[in-house]
Amino acid sequence: MQIKYHTYSEEQLLVLLRQQDRKAFAEIYSRHFDLLYTQAMAILKEEELASDVIQDVFTYLWENADIVIKTSLKAYLSSVTRHAVLKVIRRGKIADRFRTYVQQEMQSNDQDTETQALTKEVGQLIDAEINRLPPRMREVFEMSYRTDSTNQEIAVSLGISPNTVKNHLVSSKRILRKRIERLFIFLLHFQLLIIFF
């Protein structure tokens, strides 16, 4: 007899989730994704970021299935989403401040040797991350951001559809954002006190 997960209460689904039941997890995901995504989008205003946040929320739920939830599952997931969104905002603000600092330093004529070295290293690390992209994705990314070509121009130049260009750009931005955020966090350990305090 096939189990009808859609008929289960949230408490029953959580019991199954603790037993690593993937179908119970899929049912929870199905029930709550839209609401949580809407919650994240209302604040972040960016589809990719909101999707990433919700994936992180459900990954957290799966990996911490044995946690005791003292409220309803809906309230719990909403709370986890709110915290995840705030984390993204904080991280984004720090990264933006660091990017601004690096740009200012790159334009400054009176950089000290240490700052010049850091600025050069940041540029090299970002270039290295771009070079790690798959070849066609990298080509699309560079044409878009280094030569300011439109999606249509890139599509014609490479003999691919504009939709494929868009997909490459979305994927490359997602990959680079994650890699570069880790880079900024690493570099901030060395520069945060000097820059901001």
N, C-alpha and C. Protein backbone atom coordinates (compact mmCIF):
# COMPACT_ATOMS: atom_id res chain seq x y z
N MET A 1 0.83 -1.19 0.00
CA MET A 1 0.00 0.00 0.00
C MET A 1 0.87 1.25 0.00
N GLN A 2 0.56 2.17 -0.92
CA GLN A 2 1.37 3.38 -1.06
C GLN A 2 0.98 4.41 -0.01
N ILE A 3 2.01 5.02 0.61
CA ILE A 3 1.77 6.04 1.62
C ILE A 3 1.36 7.34 0.93
N LYS A 4 0.31 7.97 1.43
CA LYS A 4 -0.18 9.24 0.87
C LYS A 4 0.31 10.37 1.77
N TYR A 5 1.48 10.85 1.45
CA TYR A 5 2.12 11.86 2.30
C TYR A 5 1.31 13.14 2.41
N HIS A 6 0.56 13.47 1.37
CA HIS A 6 -0.20 14.72 1.40
C HIS A 6 -1.32 14.70 2.44
N THR A 7 -1.65 13.53 2.94
CA THR A 7 -2.70 13.43 3.96
C THR A 7 -2.13 13.52 5.38
N TYR A 8 -0.80 13.50 5.50
CA TYR A 8 -0.18 13.49 6.83
C TYR A 8 -0.16 14.88 7.46
N SER A 9 -0.26 14.90 8.77
CA SER A 9 -0.09 16.15 9.50
C SER A 9 1.39 16.52 9.51
N GLU A 10 1.67 17.76 9.88
CA GLU A 10 3.06 18.19 9.94
C GLU A 10 3.83 17.42 11.00
N GLU A 11 3.17 17.10 12.09
CA GLU A 11 3.82 16.32 13.15
C GLU A 11 4.23 14.94 12.62
N GLN A 12 3.34 14.32 11.86
CA GLN A 12 3.66 13.00 11.29
C GLN A 12 4.81 13.11 10.29
N LEU A 13 4.79 14.17 9.49
CA LEU A 13 5.86 14.36 8.51
C LEU A 13 7.20 14.58 9.20
N LEU A 14 7.19 15.32 10.32
CA LEU A 14 8.44 15.56 11.05
C LEU A 14 9.00 14.27 11.64
N VAL A 15 8.12 13.40 12.11
CA VAL A 15 8.57 12.10 12.63
C VAL A 15 9.26 11.33 11.51
N LEU A 16 8.65 11.32 10.32
CA LEU A 16 9.25 10.62 9.17
C LEU A 16 10.55 11.30 8.72
N LEU A 17 10.56 12.63 8.79
CA LEU A 17 11.77 13.38 8.41
C LEU A 17 12.95 12.98 9.30
N ARG A 18 12.68 12.81 10.57
CA ARG A 18 13.75 12.40 11.51
C ARG A 18 14.30 11.02 11.16
N GLN A 19 13.52 10.25 10.41
CA GLN A 19 13.96 8.93 9.96
C GLN A 19 14.56 9.01 8.56
N GLN A 20 14.86 10.25 8.12
CA GLN A 20 15.47 10.50 6.81
C GLN A 20 14.57 10.07 5.64
N ASP A 21 13.28 10.25 5.82
CA ASP A 21 12.31 9.90 4.78
C ASP A 21 12.27 11.04 3.75
N ARG A 22 12.79 10.78 2.57
CA ARG A 22 12.90 11.81 1.54
C ARG A 22 11.53 12.26 1.01
N LYS A 23 10.58 11.35 0.98
CA LYS A 23 9.25 11.74 0.49
C LYS A 23 8.55 12.65 1.49
N ALA A 24 8.79 12.43 2.77
CA ALA A 24 8.23 13.33 3.78
C ALA A 24 8.86 14.71 3.62
N PHE A 25 10.17 14.73 3.37
CA PHE A 25 10.87 16.00 3.14
C PHE A 25 10.30 16.70 1.91
N ALA A 26 10.08 15.95 0.84
CA ALA A 26 9.53 16.53 -0.39
C ALA A 26 8.14 17.11 -0.14
N GLU A 27 7.35 16.45 0.70
CA GLU A 27 6.02 16.96 1.01
C GLU A 27 6.10 18.26 1.81
N ILE A 28 7.01 18.31 2.77
CA ILE A 28 7.21 19.54 3.55
C ILE A 28 7.65 20.67 2.61
N TYR A 29 8.58 20.35 1.73
CA TYR A 29 9.08 21.32 0.75
C TYR A 29 7.92 21.85 -0.10
N SER A 30 7.11 20.94 -0.59
CA SER A 30 6.00 21.30 -1.45
C SER A 30 4.99 22.21 -0.71
N ARG A 31 4.74 21.91 0.54
CA ARG A 31 3.76 22.68 1.31
C ARG A 31 4.25 24.09 1.65
N HIS A 32 5.54 24.25 1.84
CA HIS A 32 6.03 25.51 2.40
C HIS A 32 6.88 26.36 1.46
N PHE A 33 7.29 25.81 0.33
CA PHE A 33 8.21 26.55 -0.54
C PHE A 33 7.64 27.90 -0.96
N ASP A 34 6.43 27.93 -1.50
CA ASP A 34 5.88 29.17 -2.06
C ASP A 34 5.82 30.28 -1.02
N LEU A 35 5.34 29.96 0.16
CA LEU A 35 5.22 30.97 1.21
C LEU A 35 6.60 31.51 1.63
N LEU A 36 7.57 30.61 1.80
CA LEU A 36 8.90 31.03 2.21
C LEU A 36 9.60 31.82 1.12
N TYR A 37 9.42 31.40 -0.12
CA TYR A 37 10.02 32.11 -1.25
C TYR A 37 9.45 33.52 -1.34
N THR A 38 8.13 33.64 -1.16
CA THR A 38 7.48 34.96 -1.19
C THR A 38 8.03 35.84 -0.07
N GLN A 39 8.22 35.24 1.10
CA GLN A 39 8.77 35.97 2.25
C GLN A 39 10.18 36.48 1.93
N ALA A 40 11.02 35.63 1.36
CA ALA A 40 12.40 36.03 1.02
C ALA A 40 12.41 37.08 -0.09
N MET A 41 11.57 36.90 -1.10
CA MET A 41 11.51 37.85 -2.22
C MET A 41 11.04 39.22 -1.78
N ALA A 42 10.13 39.27 -0.80
CA ALA A 42 9.60 40.54 -0.33
C ALA A 42 10.71 41.43 0.22
N ILE A 43 11.76 40.82 0.74
CA ILE A 43 12.86 41.59 1.32
C ILE A 43 14.03 41.72 0.34
N LEU A 44 14.42 40.61 -0.29
CA LEU A 44 15.62 40.61 -1.12
C LEU A 44 15.40 41.20 -2.52
N LYS A 45 14.19 41.05 -3.04
CA LYS A 45 13.84 41.61 -4.36
C LYS A 45 14.68 41.04 -5.49
N GLU A 46 15.24 39.85 -5.31
CA GLU A 46 16.06 39.23 -6.35
C GLU A 46 15.79 37.73 -6.34
N GLU A 47 15.31 37.22 -7.48
CA GLU A 47 14.88 35.83 -7.56
C GLU A 47 15.98 34.84 -7.20
N GLU A 48 17.17 35.05 -7.75
CA GLU A 48 18.28 34.13 -7.49
C GLU A 48 18.61 34.06 -6.00
N LEU A 49 18.74 35.22 -5.38
CA LEU A 49 19.07 35.26 -3.96
C LEU A 49 17.98 34.60 -3.14
N ALA A 50 16.73 34.92 -3.45
CA ALA A 50 15.61 34.33 -2.70
C ALA A 50 15.60 32.81 -2.85
N SER A 51 15.82 32.32 -4.06
CA SER A 51 15.87 30.87 -4.29
C SER A 51 17.01 30.23 -3.51
N ASP A 52 18.18 30.88 -3.52
CA ASP A 52 19.33 30.35 -2.78
C ASP A 52 19.03 30.28 -1.29
N VAL A 53 18.39 31.33 -0.76
CA VAL A 53 18.05 31.35 0.66
C VAL A 53 17.11 30.19 1.01
N ILE A 54 16.09 29.98 0.18
CA ILE A 54 15.13 28.93 0.49
C ILE A 54 15.77 27.55 0.37
N GLN A 55 16.66 27.37 -0.59
CA GLN A 55 17.39 26.10 -0.68
C GLN A 55 18.22 25.87 0.58
N ASP A 56 18.85 26.95 1.07
CA ASP A 56 19.63 26.84 2.30
C ASP A 56 18.74 26.49 3.49
N VAL A 57 17.55 27.07 3.54
CA VAL A 57 16.61 26.80 4.64
C VAL A 57 16.23 25.33 4.64
N PHE A 58 15.89 24.79 3.48
CA PHE A 58 15.48 23.38 3.42
C PHE A 58 16.67 22.43 3.63
N THR A 59 17.84 22.84 3.18
CA THR A 59 19.03 22.04 3.47
C THR A 59 19.26 21.97 4.97
N TYR A 60 19.11 23.13 5.62
CA TYR A 60 19.26 23.18 7.08
C TYR A 60 18.25 22.27 7.76
N LEU A 61 17.01 22.30 7.28
CA LEU A 61 15.97 21.45 7.87
C LEU A 61 16.34 19.98 7.72
N TRP A 62 16.80 19.59 6.54
CA TRP A 62 17.16 18.19 6.30
C TRP A 62 18.32 17.76 7.21
N GLU A 63 19.32 18.62 7.29
CA GLU A 63 20.52 18.27 8.06
C GLU A 63 20.31 18.35 9.57
N ASN A 64 19.25 19.04 9.99
CA ASN A 64 18.95 19.19 11.42
C ASN A 64 17.56 18.69 11.74
N ALA A 65 17.19 17.58 11.11
CA ALA A 65 15.83 17.05 11.25
C ALA A 65 15.49 16.65 12.68
N ASP A 66 16.50 16.36 13.48
CA ASP A 66 16.24 15.91 14.85
C ASP A 66 16.05 17.06 15.84
N ILE A 67 16.12 18.30 15.34
CA ILE A 67 15.95 19.45 16.22
C ILE A 67 14.51 19.48 16.75
N VAL A 68 14.35 19.93 17.98
CA VAL A 68 13.02 20.03 18.58
C VAL A 68 12.39 21.35 18.15
N ILE A 69 11.26 21.26 17.48
CA ILE A 69 10.55 22.45 17.02
C ILE A 69 9.42 22.73 18.00
N LYS A 70 9.50 23.89 18.67
CA LYS A 70 8.54 24.19 19.73
C LYS A 70 7.32 24.96 19.23
N THR A 71 7.38 25.40 17.98
CA THR A 71 6.24 26.10 17.38
C THR A 71 5.71 25.22 16.25
N SER A 72 4.83 25.77 15.44
CA SER A 72 4.40 25.04 14.25
C SER A 72 5.56 25.00 13.27
N LEU A 73 5.54 24.04 12.36
CA LEU A 73 6.60 23.94 11.35
C LEU A 73 6.62 25.19 10.48
N LYS A 74 5.43 25.70 10.16
CA LYS A 74 5.33 26.91 9.34
C LYS A 74 6.04 28.08 10.04
N ALA A 75 5.77 28.27 11.32
CA ALA A 75 6.40 29.37 12.07
C ALA A 75 7.91 29.16 12.18
N TYR A 76 8.31 27.91 12.38
CA TYR A 76 9.74 27.59 12.50
C TYR A 76 10.47 27.91 11.20
N LEU A 77 9.93 27.43 10.08
CA LEU A 77 10.57 27.67 8.78
C LEU A 77 10.58 29.15 8.43
N SER A 78 9.53 29.84 8.81
CA SER A 78 9.47 31.28 8.57
C SER A 78 10.57 32.00 9.36
N SER A 79 10.80 31.57 10.58
CA SER A 79 11.84 32.16 11.42
C SER A 79 13.24 31.87 10.85
N VAL A 80 13.46 30.62 10.41
CA VAL A 80 14.75 30.25 9.81
C VAL A 80 14.99 31.07 8.54
N THR A 81 13.93 31.26 7.76
CA THR A 81 14.03 32.06 6.53
C THR A 81 14.39 33.50 6.85
N ARG A 82 13.73 34.07 7.85
CA ARG A 82 14.01 35.45 8.24
C ARG A 82 15.48 35.62 8.64
N HIS A 83 16.00 34.68 9.42
CA HIS A 83 17.40 34.75 9.84
C HIS A 83 18.34 34.59 8.64
N ALA A 84 17.99 33.68 7.72
CA ALA A 84 18.82 33.46 6.54
C ALA A 84 18.85 34.71 5.65
N VAL A 85 17.71 35.38 5.52
CA VAL A 85 17.63 36.61 4.72
C VAL A 85 18.49 37.70 5.36
N LEU A 86 18.39 37.85 6.67
CA LEU A 86 19.19 38.86 7.36
C LEU A 86 20.68 38.58 7.22
N LYS A 87 21.05 37.31 7.24
CA LYS A 87 22.45 36.93 7.07
C LYS A 87 22.95 37.34 5.68
N VAL A 88 22.12 37.11 4.67
CA VAL A 88 22.48 37.50 3.30
C VAL A 88 22.63 39.01 3.20
N ILE A 89 21.72 39.74 3.84
CA ILE A 89 21.78 41.20 3.79
C ILE A 89 23.05 41.70 4.47
N ARG A 90 23.34 41.17 5.66
CA ARG A 90 24.56 41.59 6.38
C ARG A 90 25.80 41.29 5.56
N ARG A 91 25.86 40.07 5.02
CA ARG A 91 27.02 39.65 4.24
C ARG A 91 27.16 40.53 3.00
N GLY A 92 26.02 40.84 2.38
CA GLY A 92 26.03 41.68 1.19
C GLY A 92 26.51 43.09 1.48
N LYS A 93 26.08 43.64 2.62
CA LYS A 93 26.51 44.99 2.98
C LYS A 93 28.01 45.03 3.26
N ILE A 94 28.52 44.02 3.94
CA ILE A 94 29.96 43.96 4.21
C ILE A 94 30.73 43.83 2.90
N ALA A 95 30.25 42.94 2.02
CA ALA A 95 30.93 42.75 0.74
C ALA A 95 30.88 44.04 -0.09
N ASP A 96 29.74 44.74 -0.06
CA ASP A 96 29.63 45.99 -0.80
C ASP A 96 30.61 47.03 -0.27
N ARG A 97 30.72 47.12 1.06
CA ARG A 97 31.64 48.07 1.65
C ARG A 97 33.09 47.72 1.28
N PHE A 98 33.38 46.44 1.25
CA PHE A 98 34.74 46.03 0.90
C PHE A 98 35.03 46.32 -0.57
N ARG A 99 34.05 46.03 -1.45
CA ARG A 99 34.22 46.32 -2.87
C ARG A 99 34.45 47.83 -3.08
N THR A 100 33.64 48.63 -2.39
CA THR A 100 33.79 50.09 -2.50
C THR A 100 35.18 50.52 -2.06
N TYR A 101 35.64 49.94 -0.97
CA TYR A 101 36.97 50.25 -0.47
C TYR A 101 38.04 49.89 -1.51
N VAL A 102 37.94 48.69 -2.05
CA VAL A 102 38.92 48.24 -3.04
C VAL A 102 38.91 49.15 -4.26
N GLN A 103 37.70 49.52 -4.73
CA GLN A 103 37.61 50.41 -5.89
C GLN A 103 38.24 51.76 -5.60
N GLN A 104 37.97 52.30 -4.41
CA GLN A 104 38.56 53.59 -4.04
C GLN A 104 40.08 53.50 -3.98
N GLU A 105 40.56 52.40 -3.43
CA GLU A 105 42.00 52.23 -3.32
C GLU A 105 42.65 52.07 -4.69
N MET A 106 41.92 51.41 -5.60
CA MET A 106 42.47 51.22 -6.95
C MET A 106 42.58 52.57 -7.67
N GLN A 107 41.69 53.52 -7.36
CA GLN A 107 41.69 54.82 -8.01
C GLN A 107 42.62 55.81 -7.32
N SER A 108 43.03 55.48 -6.13
CA SER A 108 43.87 56.39 -5.36
C SER A 108 45.32 56.34 -5.86
N ASN A 109 45.95 57.51 -5.91
CA ASN A 109 47.35 57.57 -6.36
C ASN A 109 48.34 57.40 -5.22
N ASP A 110 47.84 57.51 -3.97
CA ASP A 110 48.77 57.48 -2.84
C ASP A 110 48.59 56.21 -2.00
N GLN A 111 48.47 55.10 -2.69
CA GLN A 111 48.34 53.83 -1.99
C GLN A 111 49.68 53.44 -1.37
N ASP A 112 49.59 52.86 -0.17
CA ASP A 112 50.82 52.31 0.38
C ASP A 112 51.09 50.95 -0.26
N THR A 113 52.25 50.43 -0.07
CA THR A 113 52.66 49.18 -0.72
C THR A 113 51.75 48.02 -0.35
N GLU A 114 51.35 47.97 0.92
CA GLU A 114 50.50 46.86 1.37
C GLU A 114 49.13 46.91 0.69
N THR A 115 48.56 48.11 0.60
CA THR A 115 47.25 48.27 -0.04
C THR A 115 47.33 47.95 -1.53
N GLN A 116 48.41 48.40 -2.18
CA GLN A 116 48.58 48.09 -3.60
C GLN A 116 48.65 46.58 -3.81
N ALA A 117 49.37 45.90 -2.93
CA ALA A 117 49.51 44.45 -3.05
C ALA A 117 48.16 43.77 -2.86
N LEU A 118 47.38 44.23 -1.85
CA LEU A 118 46.07 43.64 -1.59
C LEU A 118 45.13 43.87 -2.77
N THR A 119 45.12 45.10 -3.28
CA THR A 119 44.25 45.43 -4.41
C THR A 119 44.58 44.57 -5.62
N LYS A 120 45.85 44.43 -5.89
CA LYS A 120 46.28 43.59 -7.02
C LYS A 120 45.89 42.14 -6.80
N GLU A 121 46.06 41.67 -5.57
CA GLU A 121 45.72 40.27 -5.25
C GLU A 121 44.23 40.01 -5.39
N VAL A 122 43.41 40.96 -4.93
CA VAL A 122 41.95 40.81 -5.07
C VAL A 122 41.58 40.69 -6.54
N GLY A 123 42.14 41.57 -7.36
CA GLY A 123 41.85 41.51 -8.80
C GLY A 123 42.26 40.19 -9.41
N GLN A 124 43.43 39.70 -9.02
CA GLN A 124 43.92 38.41 -9.55
C GLN A 124 43.03 37.25 -9.09
N LEU A 125 42.59 37.29 -7.83
CA LEU A 125 41.74 36.21 -7.33
C LEU A 125 40.38 36.20 -8.02
N ILE A 126 39.83 37.38 -8.26
CA ILE A 126 38.55 37.46 -8.97
C ILE A 126 38.72 36.96 -10.40
N ASP A 127 39.79 37.37 -11.07
CA ASP A 127 40.06 36.88 -12.43
C ASP A 127 40.22 35.36 -12.44
N ALA A 128 40.88 34.82 -11.41
CA ALA A 128 41.07 33.37 -11.33
C ALA A 128 39.73 32.65 -11.20
N GLU A 129 38.82 33.24 -10.42
CA GLU A 129 37.49 32.63 -10.26
C GLU A 129 36.72 32.68 -11.57
N ILE A 130 36.84 33.77 -12.30
CA ILE A 130 36.18 33.86 -13.60
C ILE A 130 36.75 32.81 -14.55
N ASN A 131 38.07 32.63 -14.53
CA ASN A 131 38.72 31.64 -15.40
C ASN A 131 38.34 30.20 -15.06
N ARG A 132 37.85 29.97 -13.84
CA ARG A 132 37.43 28.61 -13.45
C ARG A 132 36.04 28.25 -13.96
N LEU A 133 35.32 29.24 -14.51
CA LEU A 133 34.00 28.95 -15.07
C LEU A 133 34.15 28.02 -16.28
N PRO A 134 33.12 27.22 -16.59
CA PRO A 134 33.17 26.42 -17.83
C PRO A 134 33.41 27.35 -19.03
N PRO A 135 34.13 26.87 -20.06
CA PRO A 135 34.58 27.74 -21.16
C PRO A 135 33.49 28.59 -21.81
N ARG A 136 32.37 27.99 -22.19
CA ARG A 136 31.33 28.78 -22.88
C ARG A 136 30.70 29.78 -21.91
N MET A 137 30.49 29.37 -20.67
CA MET A 137 29.92 30.26 -19.66
C MET A 137 30.85 31.45 -19.43
N ARG A 138 32.15 31.17 -19.36
CA ARG A 138 33.13 32.23 -19.15
C ARG A 138 33.12 33.20 -20.34
N GLU A 139 33.03 32.65 -21.53
CA GLU A 139 33.03 33.48 -22.74
C GLU A 139 31.82 34.43 -22.74
N VAL A 140 30.65 33.89 -22.39
CA VAL A 140 29.43 34.70 -22.33
C VAL A 140 29.58 35.78 -21.25
N PHE A 141 30.08 35.38 -20.09
CA PHE A 141 30.25 36.31 -18.97
C PHE A 141 31.18 37.46 -19.36
N GLU A 142 32.30 37.13 -19.96
CA GLU A 142 33.29 38.17 -20.31
C GLU A 142 32.76 39.10 -21.40
N MET A 143 32.02 38.54 -22.35
CA MET A 143 31.45 39.40 -23.39
C MET A 143 30.43 40.36 -22.79
N SER A 144 29.68 39.88 -21.81
CA SER A 144 28.65 40.71 -21.20
C SER A 144 29.24 41.79 -20.31
N TYR A 145 30.21 41.41 -19.47
CA TYR A 145 30.70 42.34 -18.45
C TYR A 145 31.99 43.06 -18.80
N ARG A 146 32.74 42.54 -19.74
CA ARG A 146 34.00 43.22 -20.08
C ARG A 146 33.91 44.01 -21.38
N THR A 147 32.99 43.60 -22.26
CA THR A 147 32.83 44.36 -23.51
C THR A 147 31.45 44.99 -23.61
N ASP A 148 30.62 44.82 -22.56
CA ASP A 148 29.28 45.41 -22.51
C ASP A 148 28.40 45.00 -23.69
N SER A 149 28.59 43.79 -24.20
CA SER A 149 27.74 43.30 -25.28
C SER A 149 26.35 42.95 -24.74
N THR A 150 25.32 43.16 -25.54
CA THR A 150 23.97 42.79 -25.14
C THR A 150 23.80 41.27 -25.31
N ASN A 151 22.76 40.73 -24.69
CA ASN A 151 22.49 39.29 -24.83
C ASN A 151 22.30 38.92 -26.29
N GLN A 152 21.61 39.78 -27.03
CA GLN A 152 21.36 39.51 -28.45
C GLN A 152 22.67 39.49 -29.23
N GLU A 153 23.55 40.45 -28.95
CA GLU A 153 24.84 40.51 -29.64
C GLU A 153 25.69 39.28 -29.33
N ILE A 154 25.66 38.86 -28.07
CA ILE A 154 26.42 37.67 -27.68
C ILE A 154 25.86 36.44 -28.38
N ALA A 155 24.53 36.34 -28.42
CA ALA A 155 23.87 35.19 -29.06
C ALA A 155 24.27 35.09 -30.53
N VAL A 156 24.24 36.21 -31.24
CA VAL A 156 24.59 36.22 -32.67
C VAL A 156 26.07 35.87 -32.84
N SER A 157 26.92 36.47 -32.02
CA SER A 157 28.36 36.25 -32.12
C SER A 157 28.75 34.79 -31.89
N LEU A 158 28.07 34.15 -30.92
CA LEU A 158 28.44 32.77 -30.55
C LEU A 158 27.56 31.71 -31.22
N GLY A 159 26.52 32.16 -31.92
CA GLY A 159 25.63 31.21 -32.60
C GLY A 159 24.77 30.40 -31.63
N ILE A 160 24.34 31.06 -30.56
CA ILE A 160 23.47 30.41 -29.58
C ILE A 160 22.24 31.28 -29.37
N SER A 161 21.23 30.75 -28.70
CA SER A 161 20.00 31.53 -28.50
C SER A 161 20.18 32.55 -27.38
N PRO A 162 19.42 33.65 -27.42
CA PRO A 162 19.47 34.64 -26.33
C PRO A 162 19.11 34.01 -24.98
N ASN A 163 18.23 33.02 -25.00
CA ASN A 163 17.85 32.34 -23.75
C ASN A 163 19.03 31.58 -23.17
N THR A 164 19.84 30.95 -24.03
CA THR A 164 21.04 30.25 -23.57
C THR A 164 22.03 31.25 -22.97
N VAL A 165 22.14 32.41 -23.61
CA VAL A 165 23.01 33.47 -23.07
C VAL A 165 22.54 33.85 -21.67
N LYS A 166 21.24 34.08 -21.54
CA LYS A 166 20.67 34.46 -20.23
C LYS A 166 20.96 33.39 -19.19
N ASN A 167 20.76 32.13 -19.55
CA ASN A 167 21.01 31.02 -18.61
C ASN A 167 22.48 30.98 -18.17
N HIS A 168 23.39 31.20 -19.12
CA HIS A 168 24.82 31.23 -18.79
C HIS A 168 25.13 32.37 -17.82
N LEU A 169 24.53 33.54 -18.06
CA LEU A 169 24.79 34.68 -17.19
C LEU A 169 24.24 34.47 -15.78
N VAL A 170 23.04 33.91 -15.70
CA VAL A 170 22.44 33.63 -14.39
C VAL A 170 23.31 32.64 -13.62
N SER A 171 23.72 31.57 -14.30
CA SER A 171 24.54 30.54 -13.64
C SER A 171 25.90 31.09 -13.24
N SER A 172 26.53 31.86 -14.13
CA SER A 172 27.86 32.39 -13.82
C SER A 172 27.81 33.35 -12.64
N LYS A 173 26.77 34.19 -12.58
CA LYS A 173 26.65 35.13 -11.46
C LYS A 173 26.45 34.39 -10.14
N ARG A 174 25.64 33.32 -10.19
CA ARG A 174 25.41 32.54 -8.96
C ARG A 174 26.71 31.90 -8.49
N ILE A 175 27.43 31.29 -9.41
CA ILE A 175 28.70 30.62 -9.07
C ILE A 175 29.71 31.64 -8.53
N LEU A 176 29.87 32.74 -9.25
CA LEU A 176 30.87 33.73 -8.85
C LEU A 176 30.50 34.41 -7.54
N ARG A 177 29.21 34.67 -7.34
CA ARG A 177 28.80 35.31 -6.08
C ARG A 177 29.21 34.46 -4.89
N LYS A 178 28.94 33.16 -4.98
CA LYS A 178 29.29 32.27 -3.86
C LYS A 178 30.80 32.20 -3.65
N ARG A 179 31.54 32.08 -4.74
CA ARG A 179 33.00 31.97 -4.62
C ARG A 179 33.62 33.28 -4.13
N ILE A 180 33.14 34.39 -4.65
CA ILE A 180 33.73 35.68 -4.29
C ILE A 180 33.33 36.10 -2.89
N GLU A 181 32.12 35.74 -2.46
CA GLU A 181 31.73 36.03 -1.07
C GLU A 181 32.69 35.34 -0.11
N ARG A 182 33.05 34.09 -0.41
CA ARG A 182 34.02 33.39 0.45
C ARG A 182 35.36 34.12 0.43
N LEU A 183 35.75 34.62 -0.74
CA LEU A 183 37.00 35.37 -0.87
C LEU A 183 36.95 36.63 -0.02
N PHE A 184 35.84 37.39 -0.12
CA PHE A 184 35.73 38.62 0.64
C PHE A 184 35.76 38.35 2.14
N ILE A 185 35.05 37.31 2.57
CA ILE A 185 35.04 36.98 4.00
C ILE A 185 36.45 36.66 4.47
N PHE A 186 37.21 35.91 3.65
CA PHE A 186 38.59 35.58 4.00
C PHE A 186 39.43 36.85 4.10
N LEU A 187 39.33 37.71 3.10
CA LEU A 187 40.14 38.93 3.09
C LEU A 187 39.73 39.90 4.19
N LEU A 188 38.44 39.89 4.52
CA LEU A 188 37.99 40.80 5.57
C LEU A 188 38.64 40.50 6.91
N HIS A 189 38.98 39.25 7.15
CA HIS A 189 39.65 38.91 8.41
C HIS A 189 40.93 39.72 8.57
N PHE A 190 41.56 40.04 7.44
CA PHE A 190 42.82 40.77 7.49
C PHE A 190 42.65 42.28 7.43
N GLN A 191 41.53 42.73 6.84
CA GLN A 191 41.40 44.16 6.57
C GLN A 191 40.29 44.88 7.36
N LEU A 192 39.41 44.15 7.98
CA LEU A 192 38.21 44.75 8.57
C LEU A 192 38.52 45.85 9.57
N LEU A 193 39.43 45.61 10.46
CA LEU A 193 39.73 46.61 11.50
C LEU A 193 40.33 47.86 10.89
N ILE A 194 41.18 47.68 9.91
CA ILE A 194 41.84 48.83 9.27
C ILE A 194 40.82 49.67 8.50
N ILE A 195 39.91 48.99 7.79
CA ILE A 195 39.00 49.69 6.91
C ILE A 195 37.89 50.40 7.67
N PHE A 196 37.30 49.72 8.63
CA PHE A 196 36.06 50.21 9.20
C PHE A 196 36.18 50.79 10.60
N PHE A 197 37.30 50.64 11.27
CA PHE A 197 37.38 51.11 12.66
C PHE A 197 38.55 52.05 12.87
